[in-house]
Amino acid sequence: MPLHQKGSENHYADHFFYSNIRLSAAFSLTAVIVIKSNVPVKIISNKKPYFYPMAILKFRIYWEEDESIYRDIAIRHTQSFHDLHLAILKSYEFDNKHKATFYRSNDNWQRGREISLEKYDKEYKAEPLLMNEVNIGSEIKDPNQKFVYEYDFNKNWHFMVELIHVDKEENKKLTYPACVRTEGIAPSQYGTKGLIDSRLAEMEEKYDLQPDAMREGYGEEGDETESEGEDDVVADESNDEF
């Protein structure tokens, strides 16, 4: 059962009087409504979202540990979750060597049925769907549809994926899927490079560590050599006394 209660058959009956329920400029839900005294009573059935021929979905992919770090990815609704999987890895500069899966999710980021890179040797609550067999558009049930993306089951990288915009037309300058916005330094897949770079930037800003300031108190290379030569002369003179 889908976790998101907004997908239940009675959700829209209290809000809409028309058979076409517009979720955005690019797609709609079509429902059959029983009318009594011009009041919608119950939605008998919901059909899957209808997308225009060139609907472009824009997802925001947050790093779970720091929501200020995210990437916006635009993708055709006809493309697969495998395409989105590769686009996320590329946008965060990760390799493509590990296990991965998406989970259907809701406003509380709970995990539902999996859409997996492949079927793994583990226990599933429900048979997983496969990324390369599922078009993204078929899984959009809400105008702010959410998924949880997990990569590398040993390192446990988690990203929160949220639909933030839908366009009716493609941008001819882009090759989809495309990363259209980048915010924050990406975490390093195998180390702490991103964290170190961030901390160095904070230190430079706090202490105003400019190149000249960092060299302050240190002589030039020639001065150091000259000083060492003078020390050697003093040492030789001292040795003459013994």
Foldseek 3Di string as FASTA:
>chain_A
DAPAPCLDFANCQVPDLDQWADQAPFKTKGFDFDADPSGTDTTPDIDAIDGAPFKKWWKWKAFPVDRQWIWIWIAGQQQWQVLVVVQVCVLLVHDDDWWKWKFFAYPVRDGHAIATCDDDPDDDPDDHHHGRVDGNSRSDSHQFTKMWMFIHPVVTGIIIMTTDDMDNHDDPVDDPGDTDDTGARRADPPDGVRVVVVVVVVVCVVVVDDPVNVCPPPDDPVVVVVVVVVVVVVVVVVVVVD
